[in-house]
Amino acid sequence: MKEIYLAGGCFWGVEHFFSLIDGVVKAEAGYANGNGSTSPSYEEVYTDKTGFAETVKVTYNPDKIGLDSLIRLYFKIIDPVSLNRQGHDEGTRYRTGIFYSTAEDYPVIKAVYDEVENKSGQKFVVELCPLENFFKAEEYHQEYLVKNPSGYCHLPLEVFRWARHYKAGNPIE
């Protein structure tokens, strides 16, 4: 199994989306790349004083889905030119970022990043950097949209319908 850490605004929708993807073993909501070496609380992260971003740890089977496909999927659900904002959520905790834990993943991520950015014709503000730290969020944040089916999410419902039918290996346009 391999992992990649994706910050895409509120982690509830991002976690739910990736949990539906064929080849993803687990998606966990948490906080990444902030100040400190101890787990922050949601209330602390919410102040935007900790430097942490709401992030999803995606554990995947590379024999079923490639990192390049996961990054393409990620770009389908975020606004990569919106700084510290996704949907109605604002603040540095909602910034976008791809945080990798293995240096060998960087060239794969960078190639997809550059390709998608070039096709868009716009400059992306998505952070692309090594993972500094990650702390799993409180239990009530895990599988939030499963536990609260009518809960808030900045992602449109159609991305979840699409994710349920996506099969690894299919081209992502």
N, C-alpha and C. Protein backbone atom coordinates (compact mmCIF):
# COMPACT_ATOMS: atom_id res chain seq x y z
N MET A 1 0.83 -1.18 0.00
CA MET A 1 0.00 0.00 0.00
C MET A 1 0.88 1.25 0.00
N LYS A 2 0.34 2.29 -0.62
CA LYS A 2 1.03 3.58 -0.65
C LYS A 2 0.07 4.65 -0.14
N GLU A 3 0.61 5.84 0.10
CA GLU A 3 -0.24 6.92 0.58
C GLU A 3 0.15 8.24 -0.04
N ILE A 4 -0.85 9.11 -0.12
CA ILE A 4 -0.68 10.48 -0.58
C ILE A 4 -1.62 11.33 0.28
N TYR A 5 -1.24 12.56 0.52
CA TYR A 5 -2.00 13.46 1.39
C TYR A 5 -2.52 14.62 0.55
N LEU A 6 -3.84 14.80 0.55
CA LEU A 6 -4.48 15.78 -0.33
C LEU A 6 -5.33 16.76 0.47
N ALA A 7 -5.00 18.03 0.34
CA ALA A 7 -5.77 19.10 0.97
C ALA A 7 -6.61 19.76 -0.12
N GLY A 8 -7.91 19.77 0.09
CA GLY A 8 -8.80 20.30 -0.94
C GLY A 8 -9.99 21.02 -0.37
N GLY A 9 -9.76 21.86 0.63
CA GLY A 9 -10.87 22.53 1.30
C GLY A 9 -11.35 21.66 2.45
N CYS A 10 -12.61 21.77 2.78
CA CYS A 10 -13.18 20.98 3.88
C CYS A 10 -12.92 19.50 3.62
N PHE A 11 -12.37 18.82 4.62
CA PHE A 11 -11.97 17.43 4.40
C PHE A 11 -13.13 16.45 4.35
N TRP A 12 -14.32 16.83 4.76
CA TRP A 12 -15.44 15.90 4.75
C TRP A 12 -15.74 15.39 3.35
N GLY A 13 -15.86 16.29 2.39
CA GLY A 13 -16.17 15.89 1.02
C GLY A 13 -15.02 15.20 0.33
N VAL A 14 -13.81 15.70 0.55
CA VAL A 14 -12.62 15.11 -0.08
C VAL A 14 -12.45 13.68 0.42
N GLU A 15 -12.61 13.48 1.72
CA GLU A 15 -12.48 12.14 2.29
C GLU A 15 -13.54 11.21 1.70
N HIS A 16 -14.77 11.68 1.62
CA HIS A 16 -15.85 10.84 1.09
C HIS A 16 -15.61 10.50 -0.38
N PHE A 17 -15.22 11.48 -1.15
CA PHE A 17 -14.97 11.25 -2.58
C PHE A 17 -13.93 10.16 -2.78
N PHE A 18 -12.78 10.30 -2.13
CA PHE A 18 -11.72 9.32 -2.34
C PHE A 18 -12.05 7.95 -1.75
N SER A 19 -12.89 7.92 -0.73
CA SER A 19 -13.28 6.62 -0.18
C SER A 19 -14.10 5.80 -1.17
N LEU A 20 -14.71 6.46 -2.14
CA LEU A 20 -15.53 5.79 -3.15
C LEU A 20 -14.72 5.27 -4.34
N ILE A 21 -13.47 5.68 -4.46
CA ILE A 21 -12.67 5.37 -5.64
C ILE A 21 -12.10 3.95 -5.58
N ASP A 22 -12.32 3.21 -6.64
CA ASP A 22 -11.79 1.86 -6.77
C ASP A 22 -10.27 1.90 -6.65
N GLY A 23 -9.72 1.12 -5.75
CA GLY A 23 -8.27 1.10 -5.53
C GLY A 23 -7.84 1.84 -4.29
N VAL A 24 -8.72 2.70 -3.76
CA VAL A 24 -8.43 3.40 -2.50
C VAL A 24 -8.85 2.47 -1.37
N VAL A 25 -7.90 2.19 -0.49
CA VAL A 25 -8.13 1.29 0.63
C VAL A 25 -8.74 2.04 1.81
N LYS A 26 -8.28 3.27 2.02
CA LYS A 26 -8.77 4.05 3.15
C LYS A 26 -8.54 5.53 2.89
N ALA A 27 -9.47 6.34 3.35
CA ALA A 27 -9.32 7.80 3.31
C ALA A 27 -9.60 8.30 4.73
N GLU A 28 -8.66 9.08 5.27
CA GLU A 28 -8.78 9.57 6.64
C GLU A 28 -8.65 11.09 6.68
N ALA A 29 -9.58 11.73 7.37
CA ALA A 29 -9.52 13.17 7.55
C ALA A 29 -8.48 13.51 8.63
N GLY A 30 -7.73 14.57 8.38
CA GLY A 30 -6.73 14.99 9.36
C GLY A 30 -6.21 16.38 9.08
N TYR A 31 -5.11 16.69 9.74
CA TYR A 31 -4.48 18.00 9.64
C TYR A 31 -3.03 17.82 9.26
N ALA A 32 -2.56 18.58 8.26
CA ALA A 32 -1.19 18.40 7.78
C ALA A 32 -0.45 19.71 7.63
N ASN A 33 0.87 19.55 7.66
CA ASN A 33 1.83 20.61 7.36
C ASN A 33 1.59 21.89 8.14
N GLY A 34 1.40 21.71 9.44
CA GLY A 34 1.24 22.86 10.32
C GLY A 34 2.38 22.98 11.31
N ASN A 35 2.23 23.92 12.20
CA ASN A 35 3.24 24.19 13.22
C ASN A 35 3.01 23.27 14.42
N GLY A 36 4.07 22.67 14.88
CA GLY A 36 3.95 21.86 16.09
C GLY A 36 4.10 20.38 15.83
N SER A 37 4.36 19.67 16.90
CA SER A 37 4.58 18.23 16.81
C SER A 37 3.55 17.44 17.58
N THR A 38 2.49 18.11 17.99
CA THR A 38 1.41 17.41 18.67
C THR A 38 0.11 17.65 17.91
N SER A 39 -0.79 16.71 18.06
CA SER A 39 -2.06 16.77 17.35
C SER A 39 -2.88 17.98 17.78
N PRO A 40 -3.26 18.83 16.83
CA PRO A 40 -4.10 19.97 17.17
C PRO A 40 -5.57 19.53 17.23
N SER A 41 -6.36 20.31 17.89
CA SER A 41 -7.80 20.06 17.88
C SER A 41 -8.40 20.80 16.68
N TYR A 42 -9.61 20.40 16.32
CA TYR A 42 -10.31 21.09 15.24
C TYR A 42 -10.47 22.57 15.59
N GLU A 43 -10.78 22.85 16.83
CA GLU A 43 -10.98 24.23 17.25
C GLU A 43 -9.71 25.05 17.08
N GLU A 44 -8.55 24.45 17.36
CA GLU A 44 -7.27 25.15 17.17
C GLU A 44 -6.99 25.39 15.68
N VAL A 45 -7.21 24.38 14.87
CA VAL A 45 -6.98 24.51 13.42
C VAL A 45 -7.91 25.58 12.85
N TYR A 46 -9.12 25.63 13.33
CA TYR A 46 -10.13 26.57 12.83
C TYR A 46 -9.72 28.02 13.01
N THR A 47 -8.83 28.31 13.95
CA THR A 47 -8.39 29.69 14.16
C THR A 47 -7.48 30.19 13.05
N ASP A 48 -6.95 29.28 12.25
CA ASP A 48 -5.97 29.60 11.20
C ASP A 48 -4.64 30.08 11.78
N LYS A 49 -4.38 29.81 13.05
CA LYS A 49 -3.12 30.21 13.67
C LYS A 49 -2.13 29.06 13.78
N THR A 50 -2.56 27.85 13.43
CA THR A 50 -1.69 26.67 13.60
C THR A 50 -0.89 26.34 12.33
N GLY A 51 -1.32 26.87 11.20
CA GLY A 51 -0.67 26.55 9.94
C GLY A 51 -1.12 25.24 9.33
N PHE A 52 -1.98 24.50 10.01
CA PHE A 52 -2.44 23.21 9.49
C PHE A 52 -3.50 23.40 8.42
N ALA A 53 -3.50 22.48 7.46
CA ALA A 53 -4.53 22.43 6.42
C ALA A 53 -5.38 21.18 6.65
N GLU A 54 -6.68 21.31 6.47
CA GLU A 54 -7.53 20.13 6.49
C GLU A 54 -7.09 19.26 5.32
N THR A 55 -6.71 18.03 5.62
CA THR A 55 -6.07 17.16 4.64
C THR A 55 -6.61 15.75 4.76
N VAL A 56 -6.62 15.04 3.64
CA VAL A 56 -7.06 13.65 3.64
C VAL A 56 -5.87 12.75 3.30
N LYS A 57 -5.63 11.81 4.17
CA LYS A 57 -4.62 10.77 3.92
C LYS A 57 -5.30 9.69 3.10
N VAL A 58 -4.82 9.52 1.87
CA VAL A 58 -5.39 8.52 0.96
C VAL A 58 -4.42 7.35 0.89
N THR A 59 -4.86 6.21 1.38
CA THR A 59 -4.07 4.98 1.30
C THR A 59 -4.65 4.18 0.13
N TYR A 60 -3.76 3.79 -0.80
CA TYR A 60 -4.24 3.16 -2.02
C TYR A 60 -3.38 1.97 -2.41
N ASN A 61 -3.97 1.10 -3.22
CA ASN A 61 -3.28 -0.06 -3.74
C ASN A 61 -2.73 0.31 -5.12
N PRO A 62 -1.41 0.45 -5.27
CA PRO A 62 -0.85 0.87 -6.54
C PRO A 62 -1.02 -0.16 -7.66
N ASP A 63 -1.39 -1.38 -7.30
CA ASP A 63 -1.69 -2.39 -8.32
C ASP A 63 -3.08 -2.19 -8.92
N LYS A 64 -3.91 -1.39 -8.24
CA LYS A 64 -5.27 -1.13 -8.72
C LYS A 64 -5.45 0.27 -9.29
N ILE A 65 -4.74 1.25 -8.71
CA ILE A 65 -4.85 2.63 -9.19
C ILE A 65 -3.51 3.32 -9.01
N GLY A 66 -3.12 4.07 -10.02
CA GLY A 66 -1.83 4.76 -9.97
C GLY A 66 -1.93 6.13 -9.32
N LEU A 67 -0.80 6.59 -8.84
CA LEU A 67 -0.74 7.92 -8.25
C LEU A 67 -1.16 8.98 -9.25
N ASP A 68 -0.77 8.82 -10.50
CA ASP A 68 -1.16 9.80 -11.52
C ASP A 68 -2.67 9.91 -11.64
N SER A 69 -3.38 8.79 -11.57
CA SER A 69 -4.84 8.81 -11.63
C SER A 69 -5.44 9.51 -10.41
N LEU A 70 -4.88 9.24 -9.24
CA LEU A 70 -5.37 9.90 -8.03
C LEU A 70 -5.21 11.41 -8.11
N ILE A 71 -4.08 11.86 -8.63
CA ILE A 71 -3.84 13.31 -8.75
C ILE A 71 -4.79 13.92 -9.78
N ARG A 72 -5.05 13.22 -10.87
CA ARG A 72 -6.03 13.71 -11.86
C ARG A 72 -7.42 13.83 -11.24
N LEU A 73 -7.78 12.82 -10.44
CA LEU A 73 -9.08 12.86 -9.76
C LEU A 73 -9.14 14.04 -8.80
N TYR A 74 -8.06 14.27 -8.07
CA TYR A 74 -7.98 15.39 -7.14
C TYR A 74 -8.25 16.71 -7.86
N PHE A 75 -7.63 16.89 -9.02
CA PHE A 75 -7.83 18.14 -9.75
C PHE A 75 -9.26 18.29 -10.28
N LYS A 76 -10.00 17.18 -10.35
CA LYS A 76 -11.41 17.25 -10.77
C LYS A 76 -12.31 17.83 -9.70
N ILE A 77 -11.87 17.78 -8.43
CA ILE A 77 -12.77 18.19 -7.35
C ILE A 77 -12.35 19.47 -6.64
N ILE A 78 -11.25 20.09 -7.07
CA ILE A 78 -10.83 21.35 -6.44
C ILE A 78 -10.82 22.48 -7.45
N ASP A 79 -10.77 23.69 -6.93
CA ASP A 79 -10.51 24.87 -7.76
C ASP A 79 -9.04 25.22 -7.52
N PRO A 80 -8.16 24.86 -8.44
CA PRO A 80 -6.72 25.00 -8.20
C PRO A 80 -6.18 26.43 -8.29
N VAL A 81 -7.03 27.38 -8.63
CA VAL A 81 -6.57 28.76 -8.71
C VAL A 81 -7.13 29.63 -7.57
N SER A 82 -7.87 29.01 -6.68
CA SER A 82 -8.47 29.72 -5.56
C SER A 82 -7.55 29.59 -4.34
N LEU A 83 -7.04 30.70 -3.87
CA LEU A 83 -6.11 30.73 -2.75
C LEU A 83 -6.85 30.73 -1.42
N ASN A 84 -6.56 29.73 -0.59
CA ASN A 84 -7.14 29.63 0.76
C ASN A 84 -8.66 29.67 0.76
N ARG A 85 -9.24 29.06 -0.26
CA ARG A 85 -10.70 29.02 -0.36
C ARG A 85 -11.11 27.90 -1.30
N GLN A 86 -12.11 27.13 -0.86
CA GLN A 86 -12.77 26.14 -1.70
C GLN A 86 -14.25 26.24 -1.39
N GLY A 87 -15.05 26.49 -2.40
CA GLY A 87 -16.48 26.70 -2.18
C GLY A 87 -16.68 27.91 -1.29
N HIS A 88 -17.50 27.74 -0.26
CA HIS A 88 -17.77 28.84 0.67
C HIS A 88 -16.80 28.88 1.84
N ASP A 89 -15.88 27.93 1.88
CA ASP A 89 -14.94 27.82 3.01
C ASP A 89 -13.70 28.67 2.74
N GLU A 90 -13.37 29.53 3.68
CA GLU A 90 -12.21 30.42 3.54
C GLU A 90 -11.28 30.27 4.72
N GLY A 91 -9.99 30.45 4.44
CA GLY A 91 -8.98 30.42 5.49
C GLY A 91 -7.83 29.51 5.08
N THR A 92 -6.70 29.70 5.71
CA THR A 92 -5.53 28.89 5.34
C THR A 92 -5.74 27.42 5.62
N ARG A 93 -6.63 27.09 6.54
CA ARG A 93 -6.91 25.67 6.82
C ARG A 93 -7.59 25.00 5.64
N TYR A 94 -8.16 25.79 4.72
CA TYR A 94 -8.85 25.26 3.54
C TYR A 94 -8.00 25.37 2.27
N ARG A 95 -6.72 25.64 2.43
CA ARG A 95 -5.86 25.76 1.24
C ARG A 95 -5.74 24.39 0.56
N THR A 96 -5.35 24.45 -0.70
CA THR A 96 -5.16 23.21 -1.45
C THR A 96 -3.69 22.82 -1.40
N GLY A 97 -3.46 21.51 -1.39
CA GLY A 97 -2.09 21.03 -1.35
C GLY A 97 -1.99 19.55 -1.62
N ILE A 98 -0.89 19.19 -2.23
CA ILE A 98 -0.53 17.78 -2.44
C ILE A 98 0.75 17.57 -1.66
N PHE A 99 0.67 16.74 -0.63
CA PHE A 99 1.80 16.50 0.25
C PHE A 99 2.22 15.04 0.11
N TYR A 100 3.44 14.83 -0.32
CA TYR A 100 3.91 13.47 -0.57
C TYR A 100 4.89 13.05 0.52
N SER A 101 4.86 11.75 0.83
CA SER A 101 5.71 11.22 1.89
C SER A 101 6.90 10.45 1.34
N THR A 102 6.93 10.26 0.04
CA THR A 102 8.01 9.52 -0.62
C THR A 102 8.54 10.37 -1.78
N ALA A 103 9.83 10.65 -1.76
CA ALA A 103 10.43 11.52 -2.79
C ALA A 103 10.20 10.98 -4.20
N GLU A 104 10.13 9.68 -4.35
CA GLU A 104 9.93 9.09 -5.68
C GLU A 104 8.56 9.44 -6.27
N ASP A 105 7.63 9.89 -5.42
CA ASP A 105 6.31 10.28 -5.92
C ASP A 105 6.31 11.66 -6.57
N TYR A 106 7.27 12.49 -6.20
CA TYR A 106 7.29 13.88 -6.69
C TYR A 106 7.25 13.98 -8.22
N PRO A 107 8.11 13.26 -8.97
CA PRO A 107 8.08 13.43 -10.43
C PRO A 107 6.73 13.06 -11.06
N VAL A 108 6.07 12.05 -10.52
CA VAL A 108 4.76 11.65 -11.03
C VAL A 108 3.75 12.77 -10.77
N ILE A 109 3.73 13.27 -9.54
CA ILE A 109 2.81 14.33 -9.18
C ILE A 109 3.09 15.59 -10.00
N LYS A 110 4.34 15.96 -10.10
CA LYS A 110 4.73 17.19 -10.81
C LYS A 110 4.34 17.11 -12.29
N ALA A 111 4.50 15.95 -12.90
CA ALA A 111 4.14 15.80 -14.32
C ALA A 111 2.64 16.03 -14.53
N VAL A 112 1.81 15.44 -13.67
CA VAL A 112 0.37 15.64 -13.78
C VAL A 112 0.00 17.09 -13.46
N TYR A 113 0.58 17.63 -12.41
CA TYR A 113 0.34 19.02 -12.01
C TYR A 113 0.61 19.95 -13.20
N ASP A 114 1.80 19.82 -13.79
CA ASP A 114 2.17 20.69 -14.90
C ASP A 114 1.25 20.51 -16.10
N GLU A 115 0.90 19.27 -16.40
CA GLU A 115 0.02 19.01 -17.54
C GLU A 115 -1.35 19.66 -17.34
N VAL A 116 -1.95 19.47 -16.17
CA VAL A 116 -3.27 20.02 -15.90
C VAL A 116 -3.21 21.55 -15.85
N GLU A 117 -2.16 22.08 -15.22
CA GLU A 117 -2.00 23.54 -15.16
C GLU A 117 -1.84 24.13 -16.56
N ASN A 118 -1.01 23.51 -17.39
CA ASN A 118 -0.80 24.02 -18.75
C ASN A 118 -2.08 23.98 -19.56
N LYS A 119 -2.86 22.90 -19.43
CA LYS A 119 -4.13 22.80 -20.15
C LYS A 119 -5.11 23.88 -19.71
N SER A 120 -5.04 24.26 -18.44
CA SER A 120 -5.99 25.24 -17.90
C SER A 120 -5.65 26.66 -18.37
N GLY A 121 -4.36 26.92 -18.64
CA GLY A 121 -3.94 28.26 -19.01
C GLY A 121 -3.89 29.22 -17.84
N GLN A 122 -4.00 28.71 -16.62
CA GLN A 122 -3.97 29.55 -15.42
C GLN A 122 -2.87 29.06 -14.48
N LYS A 123 -2.42 29.95 -13.62
CA LYS A 123 -1.40 29.61 -12.63
C LYS A 123 -2.08 29.00 -11.41
N PHE A 124 -1.66 27.79 -11.03
CA PHE A 124 -2.24 27.11 -9.87
C PHE A 124 -1.60 27.60 -8.57
N VAL A 125 -2.39 27.58 -7.50
CA VAL A 125 -1.90 27.94 -6.17
C VAL A 125 -1.88 26.72 -5.24
N VAL A 126 -1.94 25.54 -5.82
CA VAL A 126 -1.92 24.30 -5.05
C VAL A 126 -0.50 24.05 -4.56
N GLU A 127 -0.33 23.91 -3.26
CA GLU A 127 0.99 23.59 -2.71
C GLU A 127 1.39 22.19 -3.17
N LEU A 128 2.63 22.05 -3.53
CA LEU A 128 3.19 20.75 -3.89
C LEU A 128 4.50 20.62 -3.12
N CYS A 129 4.48 19.83 -2.05
CA CYS A 129 5.66 19.76 -1.18
C CYS A 129 5.63 18.48 -0.35
N PRO A 130 6.77 18.18 0.26
CA PRO A 130 6.80 16.99 1.12
C PRO A 130 5.88 17.16 2.33
N LEU A 131 5.39 16.03 2.80
CA LEU A 131 4.60 16.02 4.03
C LEU A 131 5.52 16.32 5.20
N GLU A 132 5.16 17.30 5.99
CA GLU A 132 5.92 17.63 7.20
C GLU A 132 5.37 16.90 8.41
N ASN A 133 4.04 16.86 8.51
CA ASN A 133 3.39 16.17 9.60
C ASN A 133 1.93 15.94 9.23
N PHE A 134 1.34 14.97 9.87
CA PHE A 134 -0.08 14.67 9.67
C PHE A 134 -0.63 14.11 10.97
N PHE A 135 -1.76 14.64 11.38
CA PHE A 135 -2.44 14.15 12.57
C PHE A 135 -3.88 13.84 12.19
N LYS A 136 -4.31 12.63 12.51
CA LYS A 136 -5.68 12.21 12.23
C LYS A 136 -6.64 13.12 13.00
N ALA A 137 -7.70 13.55 12.33
CA ALA A 137 -8.71 14.40 12.96
C ALA A 137 -9.55 13.57 13.94
N GLU A 138 -10.27 14.28 14.75
CA GLU A 138 -11.14 13.66 15.74
C GLU A 138 -12.09 12.66 15.05
N GLU A 139 -12.51 11.68 15.82
CA GLU A 139 -13.33 10.59 15.26
C GLU A 139 -14.62 11.09 14.61
N TYR A 140 -15.23 12.14 15.14
CA TYR A 140 -16.49 12.60 14.55
C TYR A 140 -16.30 13.16 13.14
N HIS A 141 -15.05 13.46 12.75
CA HIS A 141 -14.78 13.91 11.38
C HIS A 141 -14.60 12.75 10.41
N GLN A 142 -14.30 11.56 10.91
CA GLN A 142 -14.06 10.41 10.05
C GLN A 142 -15.39 9.91 9.48
N GLU A 143 -15.41 9.73 8.17
CA GLU A 143 -16.63 9.28 7.46
C GLU A 143 -17.82 10.18 7.79
N TYR A 144 -17.55 11.45 7.90
CA TYR A 144 -18.56 12.41 8.33
C TYR A 144 -19.82 12.36 7.46
N LEU A 145 -19.64 12.31 6.14
CA LEU A 145 -20.81 12.34 5.27
C LEU A 145 -21.55 11.00 5.24
N VAL A 146 -20.92 9.93 5.67
CA VAL A 146 -21.62 8.66 5.84
C VAL A 146 -22.48 8.74 7.10
N LYS A 147 -21.90 9.28 8.16
CA LYS A 147 -22.61 9.42 9.43
C LYS A 147 -23.69 10.51 9.37
N ASN A 148 -23.47 11.51 8.52
CA ASN A 148 -24.38 12.66 8.39
C ASN A 148 -24.69 12.87 6.90
N PRO A 149 -25.54 12.02 6.31
CA PRO A 149 -25.78 12.07 4.86
C PRO A 149 -26.25 13.42 4.32
N SER A 150 -26.87 14.22 5.15
CA SER A 150 -27.29 15.55 4.66
C SER A 150 -26.39 16.64 5.22
N GLY A 151 -25.18 16.25 5.65
CA GLY A 151 -24.22 17.20 6.19
C GLY A 151 -23.65 18.11 5.11
N TYR A 152 -23.01 19.17 5.55
CA TYR A 152 -22.43 20.16 4.65
C TYR A 152 -21.29 19.58 3.82
N CYS A 153 -21.25 19.95 2.57
CA CYS A 153 -20.13 19.61 1.70
C CYS A 153 -20.04 20.64 0.59
N HIS A 154 -18.81 21.10 0.32
CA HIS A 154 -18.63 22.09 -0.74
C HIS A 154 -18.56 21.45 -2.13
N LEU A 155 -18.44 20.13 -2.18
CA LEU A 155 -18.38 19.43 -3.47
C LEU A 155 -19.79 19.17 -4.00
N PRO A 156 -19.98 19.30 -5.31
CA PRO A 156 -21.30 19.01 -5.87
C PRO A 156 -21.62 17.51 -5.78
N LEU A 157 -22.87 17.18 -5.57
CA LEU A 157 -23.30 15.78 -5.42
C LEU A 157 -22.93 14.91 -6.61
N GLU A 158 -22.89 15.49 -7.81
CA GLU A 158 -22.59 14.66 -8.98
C GLU A 158 -21.19 14.05 -8.95
N VAL A 159 -20.23 14.67 -8.22
CA VAL A 159 -18.90 14.06 -8.16
C VAL A 159 -18.92 12.75 -7.37
N PHE A 160 -19.82 12.65 -6.41
CA PHE A 160 -19.94 11.41 -5.65
C PHE A 160 -20.60 10.32 -6.49
N ARG A 161 -21.61 10.70 -7.27
CA ARG A 161 -22.24 9.72 -8.18
C ARG A 161 -21.22 9.23 -9.19
N TRP A 162 -20.43 10.14 -9.73
CA TRP A 162 -19.40 9.76 -10.70
C TRP A 162 -18.37 8.83 -10.04
N ALA A 163 -17.93 9.16 -8.83
CA ALA A 163 -16.91 8.37 -8.14
C ALA A 163 -17.37 6.94 -7.89
N ARG A 164 -18.65 6.76 -7.59
CA ARG A 164 -19.17 5.41 -7.34
C ARG A 164 -19.05 4.52 -8.57
N HIS A 165 -19.06 5.13 -9.75
CA HIS A 165 -19.01 4.36 -11.00
C HIS A 165 -17.64 4.34 -11.64
N TYR A 166 -16.72 5.13 -11.11
CA TYR A 166 -15.37 5.18 -11.67
C TYR A 166 -14.66 3.86 -11.39
N LYS A 167 -14.01 3.34 -12.38
CA LYS A 167 -13.21 2.13 -12.21
C LYS A 167 -11.77 2.45 -12.55
N ALA A 168 -10.87 2.02 -11.70
CA ALA A 168 -9.44 2.28 -11.92
C ALA A 168 -9.06 1.78 -13.30
N GLY A 169 -8.21 2.53 -13.95
CA GLY A 169 -7.76 2.17 -15.29
C GLY A 169 -8.51 2.92 -16.37
N ASN A 170 -9.67 3.48 -16.04
CA ASN A 170 -10.40 4.27 -17.03
C ASN A 170 -9.68 5.60 -17.22
N PRO A 171 -9.66 6.10 -18.43
CA PRO A 171 -9.02 7.41 -18.63
C PRO A 171 -9.80 8.50 -17.90
N ILE A 172 -9.06 9.47 -17.40
CA ILE A 172 -9.66 10.61 -16.71
C ILE A 172 -9.45 11.84 -17.58
N GLU A 173 -10.50 12.37 -18.07
CA GLU A 173 -10.42 13.56 -18.93
C GLU A 173 -10.53 14.81 -18.12
